[in-house]
Amino acid sequence: MNEIKADNMLTQMRMMAALAENKTASEVPSSSNVSFSDLMKQAVNTVNTVQQHAEQLSTDYVQGKPGIDLGEVMVASQKSGIAFNTLLQVRNKLLTAYQDIAKMPI
């Protein structure tokens, strides 16, 4: 079975986040200067930003502001849901890993 290296996975996650934020590859931070807690904080902040954007688009559409397309609102809503579910699954995996480590005999 192929093992996924942690550095490769983190690099891919950073590249996907950069693409989602319309950044170029040169703007993605390198793995040598970013801690895990910083990555988690950044992920939570990104999910929060995506959710706020989706909520604002939805509110603007309901209020009838011009230039707001229903398709755009629905896509933003789906992105928000996917981002939240992804963060929730990462949290669940971290919690499971912590519990497994806590149950290990010393």
PDB file of N, CA and C in Angstrom:
ATOM      1  N   MET A   1       0.847  -1.169   0.000  1.00  0.00           N
ATOM      2  CA  MET A   1       0.000   0.000   0.000  1.00  0.00           C
ATOM      3  C   MET A   1       0.899   1.241   0.000  1.00  0.00           C
ATOM      4  N   ASN A   2       0.493   2.260  -0.746  1.00  0.00           N
ATOM      5  CA  ASN A   2       1.273   3.494  -0.809  1.00  0.00           C
ATOM      6  C   ASN A   2       1.037   4.328   0.433  1.00  0.00           C
ATOM      7  N   GLU A   3       2.132   4.791   1.007  1.00  0.00           N
ATOM      8  CA  GLU A   3       2.022   5.676   2.157  1.00  0.00           C
ATOM      9  C   GLU A   3       2.109   7.108   1.684  1.00  0.00           C
ATOM     10  N   ILE A   4       1.292   7.956   2.253  1.00  0.00           N
ATOM     11  CA  ILE A   4       1.314   9.375   1.916  1.00  0.00           C
ATOM     12  C   ILE A   4       2.206  10.070   2.925  1.00  0.00           C
ATOM     13  N   LYS A   5       3.192  10.751   2.439  1.00  0.00           N
ATOM     14  CA  LYS A   5       4.097  11.491   3.314  1.00  0.00           C
ATOM     15  C   LYS A   5       3.386  12.731   3.829  1.00  0.00           C
ATOM     16  N   ALA A   6       3.611  13.074   5.090  1.00  0.00           N
ATOM     17  CA  ALA A   6       2.947  14.219   5.719  1.00  0.00           C
ATOM     18  C   ALA A   6       3.300  15.523   5.019  1.00  0.00           C
ATOM     19  N   ASP A   7       4.566  15.680   4.649  1.00  0.00           N
ATOM     20  CA  ASP A   7       4.975  16.915   3.968  1.00  0.00           C
ATOM     21  C   ASP A   7       4.282  17.062   2.623  1.00  0.00           C
ATOM     22  N   ASN A   8       4.181  15.962   1.889  1.00  0.00           N
ATOM     23  CA  ASN A   8       3.508  16.016   0.586  1.00  0.00           C
ATOM     24  C   ASN A   8       2.038  16.367   0.750  1.00  0.00           C
ATOM     25  N   MET A   9       1.405  15.780   1.767  1.00  0.00           N
ATOM     26  CA  MET A   9       0.001  16.053   2.000  1.00  0.00           C
ATOM     27  C   MET A   9      -0.209  17.517   2.383  1.00  0.00           C
ATOM     28  N   LEU A  10       0.640  18.032   3.270  1.00  0.00           N
ATOM     29  CA  LEU A  10       0.525  19.426   3.670  1.00  0.00           C
ATOM     30  C   LEU A  10       0.748  20.359   2.493  1.00  0.00           C
ATOM     31  N   THR A  11       1.695  20.032   1.645  1.00  0.00           N
ATOM     32  CA  THR A  11       1.962  20.852   0.466  1.00  0.00           C
ATOM     33  C   THR A  11       0.749  20.851  -0.458  1.00  0.00           C
ATOM     34  N   GLN A  12       0.145  19.696  -0.651  1.00  0.00           N
ATOM     35  CA  GLN A  12      -1.041  19.621  -1.499  1.00  0.00           C
ATOM     36  C   GLN A  12      -2.204  20.399  -0.894  1.00  0.00           C
ATOM     37  N   MET A  13      -2.358  20.320   0.430  1.00  0.00           N
ATOM     38  CA  MET A  13      -3.436  21.059   1.080  1.00  0.00           C
ATOM     39  C   MET A  13      -3.215  22.563   0.933  1.00  0.00           C
ATOM     40  N   ARG A  14      -1.964  22.994   1.058  1.00  0.00           N
ATOM     41  CA  ARG A  14      -1.660  24.420   0.895  1.00  0.00           C
ATOM     42  C   ARG A  14      -1.928  24.870  -0.535  1.00  0.00           C
ATOM     43  N   MET A  15      -1.584  24.027  -1.491  1.00  0.00           N
ATOM     44  CA  MET A  15      -1.821  24.370  -2.891  1.00  0.00           C
ATOM     45  C   MET A  15      -3.324  24.487  -3.172  1.00  0.00           C
ATOM     46  N   MET A  16      -4.121  23.562  -2.613  1.00  0.00           N
ATOM     47  CA  MET A  16      -5.569  23.632  -2.807  1.00  0.00           C
ATOM     48  C   MET A  16      -6.149  24.869  -2.139  1.00  0.00           C
ATOM     49  N   ALA A  17      -5.658  25.206  -0.961  1.00  0.00           N
ATOM     50  CA  ALA A  17      -6.131  26.410  -0.279  1.00  0.00           C
ATOM     51  C   ALA A  17      -5.756  27.650  -1.070  1.00  0.00           C
ATOM     52  N   ALA A  18      -4.566  27.649  -1.647  1.00  0.00           N
ATOM     53  CA  ALA A  18      -4.132  28.794  -2.450  1.00  0.00           C
ATOM     54  C   ALA A  18      -4.993  28.925  -3.692  1.00  0.00           C
ATOM     55  N   LEU A  19      -5.315  27.798  -4.321  1.00  0.00           N
ATOM     56  CA  LEU A  19      -6.191  27.847  -5.495  1.00  0.00           C
ATOM     57  C   LEU A  19      -7.576  28.355  -5.123  1.00  0.00           C
ATOM     58  N   ALA A  20      -8.064  27.948  -3.961  1.00  0.00           N
ATOM     59  CA  ALA A  20      -9.385  28.409  -3.521  1.00  0.00           C
ATOM     60  C   ALA A  20      -9.399  29.901  -3.244  1.00  0.00           C
ATOM     61  N   GLU A  21      -8.244  30.443  -2.850  1.00  0.00           N
ATOM     62  CA  GLU A  21      -8.154  31.872  -2.553  1.00  0.00           C
ATOM     63  C   GLU A  21      -7.561  32.656  -3.721  1.00  0.00           C
ATOM     64  N   ASN A  22      -7.431  32.001  -4.895  1.00  0.00           N
ATOM     65  CA  ASN A  22      -6.892  32.625  -6.105  1.00  0.00           C
ATOM     66  C   ASN A  22      -5.484  33.168  -5.906  1.00  0.00           C
ATOM     67  N   LYS A  23      -4.653  32.416  -5.211  1.00  0.00           N
ATOM     68  CA  LYS A  23      -3.259  32.783  -5.013  1.00  0.00           C
ATOM     69  C   LYS A  23      -2.394  31.971  -5.974  1.00  0.00           C
ATOM     70  N   THR A  24      -1.188  32.456  -6.211  1.00  0.00           N
ATOM     71  CA  THR A  24      -0.251  31.708  -7.035  1.00  0.00           C
ATOM     72  C   THR A  24       0.566  30.781  -6.143  1.00  0.00           C
ATOM     73  N   ALA A  25       1.273  29.848  -6.769  1.00  0.00           N
ATOM     74  CA  ALA A  25       2.053  28.871  -6.003  1.00  0.00           C
ATOM     75  C   ALA A  25       3.154  29.537  -5.193  1.00  0.00           C
ATOM     76  N   SER A  26       3.674  30.653  -5.659  1.00  0.00           N
ATOM     77  CA  SER A  26       4.755  31.322  -4.927  1.00  0.00           C
ATOM     78  C   SER A  26       4.268  31.971  -3.641  1.00  0.00           C
ATOM     79  N   GLU A  27       2.962  32.172  -3.503  1.00  0.00           N
ATOM     80  CA  GLU A  27       2.415  32.791  -2.296  1.00  0.00           C
ATOM     81  C   GLU A  27       2.089  31.776  -1.218  1.00  0.00           C
ATOM     82  N   VAL A  28       2.266  30.499  -1.499  1.00  0.00           N
ATOM     83  CA  VAL A  28       1.979  29.440  -0.538  1.00  0.00           C
ATOM     84  C   VAL A  28       3.159  29.322   0.415  1.00  0.00           C
ATOM     85  N   PRO A  29       2.912  29.333   1.748  1.00  0.00           N
ATOM     86  CA  PRO A  29       4.021  29.234   2.699  1.00  0.00           C
ATOM     87  C   PRO A  29       4.682  27.869   2.636  1.00  0.00           C
ATOM     88  N   SER A  30       5.980  27.829   2.882  1.00  0.00           N
ATOM     89  CA  SER A  30       6.698  26.555   2.882  1.00  0.00           C
ATOM     90  C   SER A  30       6.423  25.809   4.179  1.00  0.00           C
ATOM     91  N   SER A  31       6.656  24.499   4.162  1.00  0.00           N
ATOM     92  CA  SER A  31       6.332  23.683   5.326  1.00  0.00           C
ATOM     93  C   SER A  31       7.325  23.870   6.471  1.00  0.00           C
ATOM     94  N   SER A  32       8.484  24.454   6.207  1.00  0.00           N
ATOM     95  CA  SER A  32       9.497  24.550   7.239  1.00  0.00           C
ATOM     96  C   SER A  32       9.205  25.626   8.284  1.00  0.00           C
ATOM     97  N   ASN A  33       8.347  26.592   7.976  1.00  0.00           N
ATOM     98  CA  ASN A  33       8.134  27.683   8.917  1.00  0.00           C
ATOM     99  C   ASN A  33       6.693  27.794   9.417  1.00  0.00           C
ATOM    100  N   VAL A  34       5.899  26.756   9.252  1.00  0.00           N
ATOM    101  CA  VAL A  34       4.509  26.793   9.681  1.00  0.00           C
ATOM    102  C   VAL A  34       4.260  25.657  10.672  1.00  0.00           C
ATOM    103  N   SER A  35       3.727  25.999  11.843  1.00  0.00           N
ATOM    104  CA  SER A  35       3.441  24.968  12.839  1.00  0.00           C
ATOM    105  C   SER A  35       2.050  24.386  12.613  1.00  0.00           C
ATOM    106  N   PHE A  36       1.804  23.242  13.227  1.00  0.00           N
ATOM    107  CA  PHE A  36       0.508  22.585  13.086  1.00  0.00           C
ATOM    108  C   PHE A  36      -0.609  23.449  13.657  1.00  0.00           C
ATOM    109  N   SER A  37      -0.362  24.088  14.789  1.00  0.00           N
ATOM    110  CA  SER A  37      -1.398  24.928  15.391  1.00  0.00           C
ATOM    111  C   SER A  37      -1.717  26.117  14.485  1.00  0.00           C
ATOM    112  N   ASP A  38      -0.702  26.662  13.812  1.00  0.00           N
ATOM    113  CA  ASP A  38      -0.949  27.750  12.871  1.00  0.00           C
ATOM    114  C   ASP A  38      -1.794  27.281  11.693  1.00  0.00           C
ATOM    115  N   LEU A  39      -1.522  26.057  11.216  1.00  0.00           N
ATOM    116  CA  LEU A  39      -2.328  25.513  10.124  1.00  0.00           C
ATOM    117  C   LEU A  39      -3.780  25.324  10.542  1.00  0.00           C
ATOM    118  N   MET A  40      -3.981  24.832  11.762  1.00  0.00           N
ATOM    119  CA  MET A  40      -5.355  24.636  12.233  1.00  0.00           C
ATOM    120  C   MET A  40      -6.074  25.964  12.417  1.00  0.00           C
ATOM    121  N   LYS A  41      -5.376  26.956  12.960  1.00  0.00           N
ATOM    122  CA  LYS A  41      -5.984  28.282  13.108  1.00  0.00           C
ATOM    123  C   LYS A  41      -6.349  28.861  11.752  1.00  0.00           C
ATOM    124  N   GLN A  42      -5.455  28.691  10.800  1.00  0.00           N
ATOM    125  CA  GLN A  42      -5.711  29.186   9.451  1.00  0.00           C
ATOM    126  C   GLN A  42      -6.908  28.471   8.829  1.00  0.00           C
ATOM    127  N   ALA A  43      -7.016  27.169   9.055  1.00  0.00           N
ATOM    128  CA  ALA A  43      -8.143  26.406   8.518  1.00  0.00           C
ATOM    129  C   ALA A  43      -9.462  26.874   9.128  1.00  0.00           C
ATOM    130  N   VAL A  44      -9.469  27.084  10.444  1.00  0.00           N
ATOM    131  CA  VAL A  44     -10.694  27.557  11.104  1.00  0.00           C
ATOM    132  C   VAL A  44     -11.063  28.948  10.600  1.00  0.00           C
ATOM    133  N   ASN A  45     -10.076  29.811  10.458  1.00  0.00           N
ATOM    134  CA  ASN A  45     -10.343  31.164   9.954  1.00  0.00           C
ATOM    135  C   ASN A  45     -10.837  31.142   8.518  1.00  0.00           C
ATOM    136  N   THR A  46     -10.285  30.257   7.701  1.00  0.00           N
ATOM    137  CA  THR A  46     -10.730  30.149   6.312  1.00  0.00           C
ATOM    138  C   THR A  46     -12.171  29.671   6.237  1.00  0.00           C
ATOM    139  N   VAL A  47     -12.512  28.665   7.030  1.00  0.00           N
ATOM    140  CA  VAL A  47     -13.890  28.169   7.057  1.00  0.00           C
ATOM    141  C   VAL A  47     -14.836  29.272   7.534  1.00  0.00           C
ATOM    142  N   ASN A  48     -14.427  30.017   8.537  1.00  0.00           N
ATOM    143  CA  ASN A  48     -15.245  31.114   9.035  1.00  0.00           C
ATOM    144  C   ASN A  48     -15.472  32.164   7.944  1.00  0.00           C
ATOM    145  N   THR A  49     -14.420  32.503   7.218  1.00  0.00           N
ATOM    146  CA  THR A  49     -14.532  33.489   6.145  1.00  0.00           C
ATOM    147  C   THR A  49     -15.466  32.996   5.045  1.00  0.00           C
ATOM    148  N   VAL A  50     -15.334  31.727   4.662  1.00  0.00           N
ATOM    149  CA  VAL A  50     -16.197  31.156   3.621  1.00  0.00           C
ATOM    150  C   VAL A  50     -17.657  31.169   4.076  1.00  0.00           C
ATOM    151  N   GLN A  51     -17.900  30.835   5.341  1.00  0.00           N
ATOM    152  CA  GLN A  51     -19.266  30.836   5.859  1.00  0.00           C
ATOM    153  C   GLN A  51     -19.845  32.242   5.903  1.00  0.00           C
ATOM    154  N   GLN A  52     -19.058  33.212   6.316  1.00  0.00           N
ATOM    155  CA  GLN A  52     -19.533  34.589   6.361  1.00  0.00           C
ATOM    156  C   GLN A  52     -19.845  35.113   4.966  1.00  0.00           C
ATOM    157  N   HIS A  53     -19.004  34.752   3.992  1.00  0.00           N
ATOM    158  CA  HIS A  53     -19.236  35.180   2.614  1.00  0.00           C
ATOM    159  C   HIS A  53     -20.540  34.591   2.084  1.00  0.00           C
ATOM    160  N   ALA A  54     -20.763  33.307   2.340  1.00  0.00           N
ATOM    161  CA  ALA A  54     -21.988  32.647   1.886  1.00  0.00           C
ATOM    162  C   ALA A  54     -23.215  33.270   2.548  1.00  0.00           C
ATOM    163  N   GLU A  55     -23.110  33.565   3.825  1.00  0.00           N
ATOM    164  CA  GLU A  55     -24.227  34.180   4.533  1.00  0.00           C
ATOM    165  C   GLU A  55     -24.522  35.583   3.993  1.00  0.00           C
ATOM    166  N   GLN A  56     -23.459  36.344   3.710  1.00  0.00           N
ATOM    167  CA  GLN A  56     -23.640  37.694   3.171  1.00  0.00           C
ATOM    168  C   GLN A  56     -24.281  37.650   1.789  1.00  0.00           C
ATOM    169  N   LEU A  57     -23.832  36.710   0.941  1.00  0.00           N
ATOM    170  CA  LEU A  57     -24.438  36.576  -0.387  1.00  0.00           C
ATOM    171  C   LEU A  57     -25.912  36.204  -0.282  1.00  0.00           C
ATOM    172  N   SER A  58     -26.216  35.293   0.629  1.00  0.00           N
ATOM    173  CA  SER A  58     -27.600  34.879   0.822  1.00  0.00           C
ATOM    174  C   SER A  58     -28.466  36.043   1.291  1.00  0.00           C
ATOM    175  N   THR A  59     -27.960  36.811   2.232  1.00  0.00           N
ATOM    176  CA  THR A  59     -28.693  37.975   2.737  1.00  0.00           C
ATOM    177  C   THR A  59     -28.904  39.004   1.629  1.00  0.00           C
ATOM    178  N   ASP A  60     -27.861  39.259   0.848  1.00  0.00           N
ATOM    179  CA  ASP A  60     -27.972  40.216  -0.252  1.00  0.00           C
ATOM    180  C   ASP A  60     -28.989  39.762  -1.290  1.00  0.00           C
ATOM    181  N   TYR A  61     -29.017  38.459  -1.570  1.00  0.00           N
ATOM    182  CA  TYR A  61     -29.972  37.932  -2.546  1.00  0.00           C
ATOM    183  C   TYR A  61     -31.407  38.079  -2.043  1.00  0.00           C
ATOM    184  N   VAL A  62     -31.620  37.749  -0.774  1.00  0.00           N
ATOM    185  CA  VAL A  62     -32.951  37.844  -0.189  1.00  0.00           C
ATOM    186  C   VAL A  62     -33.437  39.294  -0.164  1.00  0.00           C
ATOM    187  N   GLN A  63     -32.511  40.225   0.073  1.00  0.00           N
ATOM    188  CA  GLN A  63     -32.868  41.640   0.110  1.00  0.00           C
ATOM    189  C   GLN A  63     -33.055  42.221  -1.285  1.00  0.00           C
ATOM    190  N   GLY A  64     -32.728  41.446  -2.318  1.00  0.00           N
ATOM    191  CA  GLY A  64     -32.955  41.894  -3.691  1.00  0.00           C
ATOM    192  C   GLY A  64     -31.888  42.817  -4.239  1.00  0.00           C
ATOM    193  N   LYS A  65     -30.699  42.765  -3.708  1.00  0.00           N
ATOM    194  CA  LYS A  65     -29.628  43.622  -4.214  1.00  0.00           C
ATOM    195  C   LYS A  65     -29.270  43.198  -5.642  1.00  0.00           C
ATOM    196  N   PRO A  66     -29.041  44.155  -6.512  1.00  0.00           N
ATOM    197  CA  PRO A  66     -28.727  43.815  -7.912  1.00  0.00           C
ATOM    198  C   PRO A  66     -27.341  43.181  -8.049  1.00  0.00           C
ATOM    199  N   GLY A  67     -27.199  42.329  -9.061  1.00  0.00           N
ATOM    200  CA  GLY A  67     -25.918  41.705  -9.346  1.00  0.00           C
ATOM    201  C   GLY A  67     -25.669  40.420  -8.585  1.00  0.00           C
ATOM    202  N   ILE A  68     -26.608  39.984  -7.761  1.00  0.00           N
ATOM    203  CA  ILE A  68     -26.459  38.743  -7.004  1.00  0.00           C
ATOM    204  C   ILE A  68     -27.242  37.656  -7.722  1.00  0.00           C
ATOM    205  N   ASP A  69     -26.540  36.641  -8.182  1.00  0.00           N
ATOM    206  CA  ASP A  69     -27.137  35.546  -8.933  1.00  0.00           C
ATOM    207  C   ASP A  69     -27.444  34.387  -7.985  1.00  0.00           C
ATOM    208  N   LEU A  70     -28.579  33.736  -8.190  1.00  0.00           N
ATOM    209  CA  LEU A  70     -28.960  32.613  -7.336  1.00  0.00           C
ATOM    210  C   LEU A  70     -27.932  31.490  -7.413  1.00  0.00           C
ATOM    211  N   GLY A  71     -27.389  31.246  -8.599  1.00  0.00           N
ATOM    212  CA  GLY A  71     -26.367  30.215  -8.754  1.00  0.00           C
ATOM    213  C   GLY A  71     -25.138  30.511  -7.916  1.00  0.00           C
ATOM    214  N   GLU A  72     -24.748  31.770  -7.891  1.00  0.00           N
ATOM    215  CA  GLU A  72     -23.590  32.180  -7.088  1.00  0.00           C
ATOM    216  C   GLU A  72     -23.861  31.951  -5.604  1.00  0.00           C
ATOM    217  N   VAL A  73     -25.080  32.249  -5.177  1.00  0.00           N
ATOM    218  CA  VAL A  73     -25.458  32.047  -3.779  1.00  0.00           C
ATOM    219  C   VAL A  73     -25.417  30.562  -3.422  1.00  0.00           C
ATOM    220  N   MET A  74     -25.946  29.731  -4.312  1.00  0.00           N
ATOM    221  CA  MET A  74     -25.978  28.297  -4.043  1.00  0.00           C
ATOM    222  C   MET A  74     -24.572  27.690  -4.024  1.00  0.00           C
ATOM    223  N   VAL A  75     -23.712  28.121  -4.936  1.00  0.00           N
ATOM    224  CA  VAL A  75     -22.335  27.611  -4.955  1.00  0.00           C
ATOM    225  C   VAL A  75     -21.602  28.017  -3.680  1.00  0.00           C
ATOM    226  N   ALA A  76     -21.773  29.267  -3.261  1.00  0.00           N
ATOM    227  CA  ALA A  76     -21.128  29.736  -2.027  1.00  0.00           C
ATOM    228  C   ALA A  76     -21.638  28.942  -0.825  1.00  0.00           C
ATOM    229  N   SER A  77     -22.929  28.646  -0.817  1.00  0.00           N
ATOM    230  CA  SER A  77     -23.511  27.862   0.275  1.00  0.00           C
ATOM    231  C   SER A  77     -22.933  26.449   0.303  1.00  0.00           C
ATOM    232  N   GLN A  78     -22.794  25.831  -0.862  1.00  0.00           N
ATOM    233  CA  GLN A  78     -22.227  24.484  -0.930  1.00  0.00           C
ATOM    234  C   GLN A  78     -20.756  24.485  -0.517  1.00  0.00           C
ATOM    235  N   LYS A  79     -19.993  25.487  -0.954  1.00  0.00           N
ATOM    236  CA  LYS A  79     -18.589  25.592  -0.541  1.00  0.00           C
ATOM    237  C   LYS A  79     -18.490  25.718   0.975  1.00  0.00           C
ATOM    238  N   SER A  80     -19.391  26.500   1.546  1.00  0.00           N
ATOM    239  CA  SER A  80     -19.405  26.689   2.994  1.00  0.00           C
ATOM    240  C   SER A  80     -19.664  25.362   3.710  1.00  0.00           C
ATOM    241  N   GLY A  81     -20.636  24.620   3.220  1.00  0.00           N
ATOM    242  CA  GLY A  81     -20.964  23.334   3.832  1.00  0.00           C
ATOM    243  C   GLY A  81     -19.838  22.330   3.719  1.00  0.00           C
ATOM    244  N   ILE A  82     -19.206  22.284   2.553  1.00  0.00           N
ATOM    245  CA  ILE A  82     -18.099  21.354   2.342  1.00  0.00           C
ATOM    246  C   ILE A  82     -16.911  21.724   3.230  1.00  0.00           C
ATOM    247  N   ALA A  83     -16.613  23.010   3.315  1.00  0.00           N
ATOM    248  CA  ALA A  83     -15.498  23.461   4.148  1.00  0.00           C
ATOM    249  C   ALA A  83     -15.739  23.102   5.611  1.00  0.00           C
ATOM    250  N   PHE A  84     -16.969  23.331   6.085  1.00  0.00           N
ATOM    251  CA  PHE A  84     -17.279  23.017   7.477  1.00  0.00           C
ATOM    252  C   PHE A  84     -17.200  21.510   7.736  1.00  0.00           C
ATOM    253  N   ASN A  85     -17.777  20.715   6.839  1.00  0.00           N
ATOM    254  CA  ASN A  85     -17.736  19.264   7.020  1.00  0.00           C
ATOM    255  C   ASN A  85     -16.310  18.728   6.990  1.00  0.00           C
ATOM    256  N   THR A  86     -15.469  19.291   6.139  1.00  0.00           N
ATOM    257  CA  THR A  86     -14.072  18.879   6.079  1.00  0.00           C
ATOM    258  C   THR A  86     -13.367  19.189   7.395  1.00  0.00           C
ATOM    259  N   LEU A  87     -13.578  20.391   7.897  1.00  0.00           N
ATOM    260  CA  LEU A  87     -12.969  20.769   9.176  1.00  0.00           C
ATOM    261  C   LEU A  87     -13.482  19.877  10.304  1.00  0.00           C
ATOM    262  N   LEU A  88     -14.758  19.554  10.276  1.00  0.00           N
ATOM    263  CA  LEU A  88     -15.342  18.675  11.285  1.00  0.00           C
ATOM    264  C   LEU A  88     -14.710  17.285  11.227  1.00  0.00           C
ATOM    265  N   GLN A  89     -14.492  16.755  10.035  1.00  0.00           N
ATOM    266  CA  GLN A  89     -13.875  15.432   9.900  1.00  0.00           C
ATOM    267  C   GLN A  89     -12.426  15.441  10.369  1.00  0.00           C
ATOM    268  N   VAL A  90     -11.697  16.528  10.083  1.00  0.00           N
ATOM    269  CA  VAL A  90     -10.322  16.643  10.569  1.00  0.00           C
ATOM    270  C   VAL A  90     -10.317  16.665  12.088  1.00  0.00           C
ATOM    271  N   ARG A  91     -11.244  17.422  12.677  1.00  0.00           N
ATOM    272  CA  ARG A  91     -11.341  17.466  14.137  1.00  0.00           C
ATOM    273  C   ARG A  91     -11.638  16.076  14.704  1.00  0.00           C
ATOM    274  N   ASN A  92     -12.550  15.353  14.062  1.00  0.00           N
ATOM    275  CA  ASN A  92     -12.894  14.010  14.530  1.00  0.00           C
ATOM    276  C   ASN A  92     -11.698  13.070  14.460  1.00  0.00           C
ATOM    277  N   LYS A  93     -10.927  13.155  13.379  1.00  0.00           N
ATOM    278  CA  LYS A  93      -9.738  12.306  13.245  1.00  0.00           C
ATOM    279  C   LYS A  93      -8.690  12.665  14.298  1.00  0.00           C
ATOM    280  N   LEU A  94      -8.513  13.941  14.564  1.00  0.00           N
ATOM    281  CA  LEU A  94      -7.558  14.364  15.591  1.00  0.00           C
ATOM    282  C   LEU A  94      -7.989  13.872  16.964  1.00  0.00           C
ATOM    283  N   LEU A  95      -9.271  13.975  17.248  1.00  0.00           N
ATOM    284  CA  LEU A  95      -9.788  13.511  18.526  1.00  0.00           C
ATOM    285  C   LEU A  95      -9.609  12.004  18.678  1.00  0.00           C
ATOM    286  N   THR A  96      -9.880  11.259  17.610  1.00  0.00           N
ATOM    287  CA  THR A  96      -9.690   9.810  17.641  1.00  0.00           C
ATOM    288  C   THR A  96      -8.226   9.461  17.858  1.00  0.00           C
ATOM    289  N   ALA A  97      -7.329  10.176  17.177  1.00  0.00           N
ATOM    290  CA  ALA A  97      -5.892   9.927  17.345  1.00  0.00           C
ATOM    291  C   ALA A  97      -5.467  10.222  18.777  1.00  0.00           C
ATOM    292  N   TYR A  98      -5.958  11.310  19.345  1.00  0.00           N
ATOM    293  CA  TYR A  98      -5.634  11.652  20.734  1.00  0.00           C
ATOM    294  C   TYR A  98      -6.125  10.569  21.681  1.00  0.00           C
ATOM    295  N   GLN A  99      -7.349  10.109  21.480  1.00  0.00           N
ATOM    296  CA  GLN A  99      -7.899   9.069  22.350  1.00  0.00           C
ATOM    297  C   GLN A  99      -7.112   7.761  22.216  1.00  0.00           C
ATOM    298  N   ASP A 100      -6.694   7.424  21.003  1.00  0.00           N
ATOM    299  CA  ASP A 100      -5.894   6.211  20.805  1.00  0.00           C
ATOM    300  C   ASP A 100      -4.562   6.321  21.529  1.00  0.00           C
ATOM    301  N   ILE A 101      -3.938   7.487  21.451  1.00  0.00           N
ATOM    302  CA  ILE A 101      -2.655   7.694  22.135  1.00  0.00           C
ATOM    303  C   ILE A 101      -2.856   7.653  23.639  1.00  0.00           C
ATOM    304  N   ALA A 102      -3.946   8.236  24.137  1.00  0.00           N
ATOM    305  CA  ALA A 102      -4.215   8.245  25.570  1.00  0.00           C
ATOM    306  C   ALA A 102      -4.460   6.834  26.112  1.00  0.00           C
ATOM    307  N   LYS A 103      -4.966   5.941  25.290  1.00  0.00           N
ATOM    308  CA  LYS A 103      -5.250   4.570  25.725  1.00  0.00           C
ATOM    309  C   LYS A 103      -4.031   3.657  25.662  1.00  0.00           C
ATOM    310  N   MET A 104      -2.941   4.123  25.060  1.00  0.00           N
ATOM    311  CA  MET A 104      -1.743   3.300  24.945  1.00  0.00           C
ATOM    312  C   MET A 104      -1.125   3.056  26.310  1.00  0.00           C
ATOM    313  N   PRO A 105      -0.698   1.839  26.535  1.00  0.00           N
ATOM    314  CA  PRO A 105      -0.017   1.552  27.813  1.00  0.00           C
ATOM    315  C   PRO A 105       1.374   2.187  27.818  1.00  0.00           C
ATOM    316  N   ILE A 106       1.769   2.586  28.995  1.00  0.00           N
ATOM    317  CA  ILE A 106       3.093   3.238  29.129  1.00  0.00           C
ATOM    318  C   ILE A 106       4.154   2.229  29.409  1.00  0.00           C
TER     319      ILE A 106
END
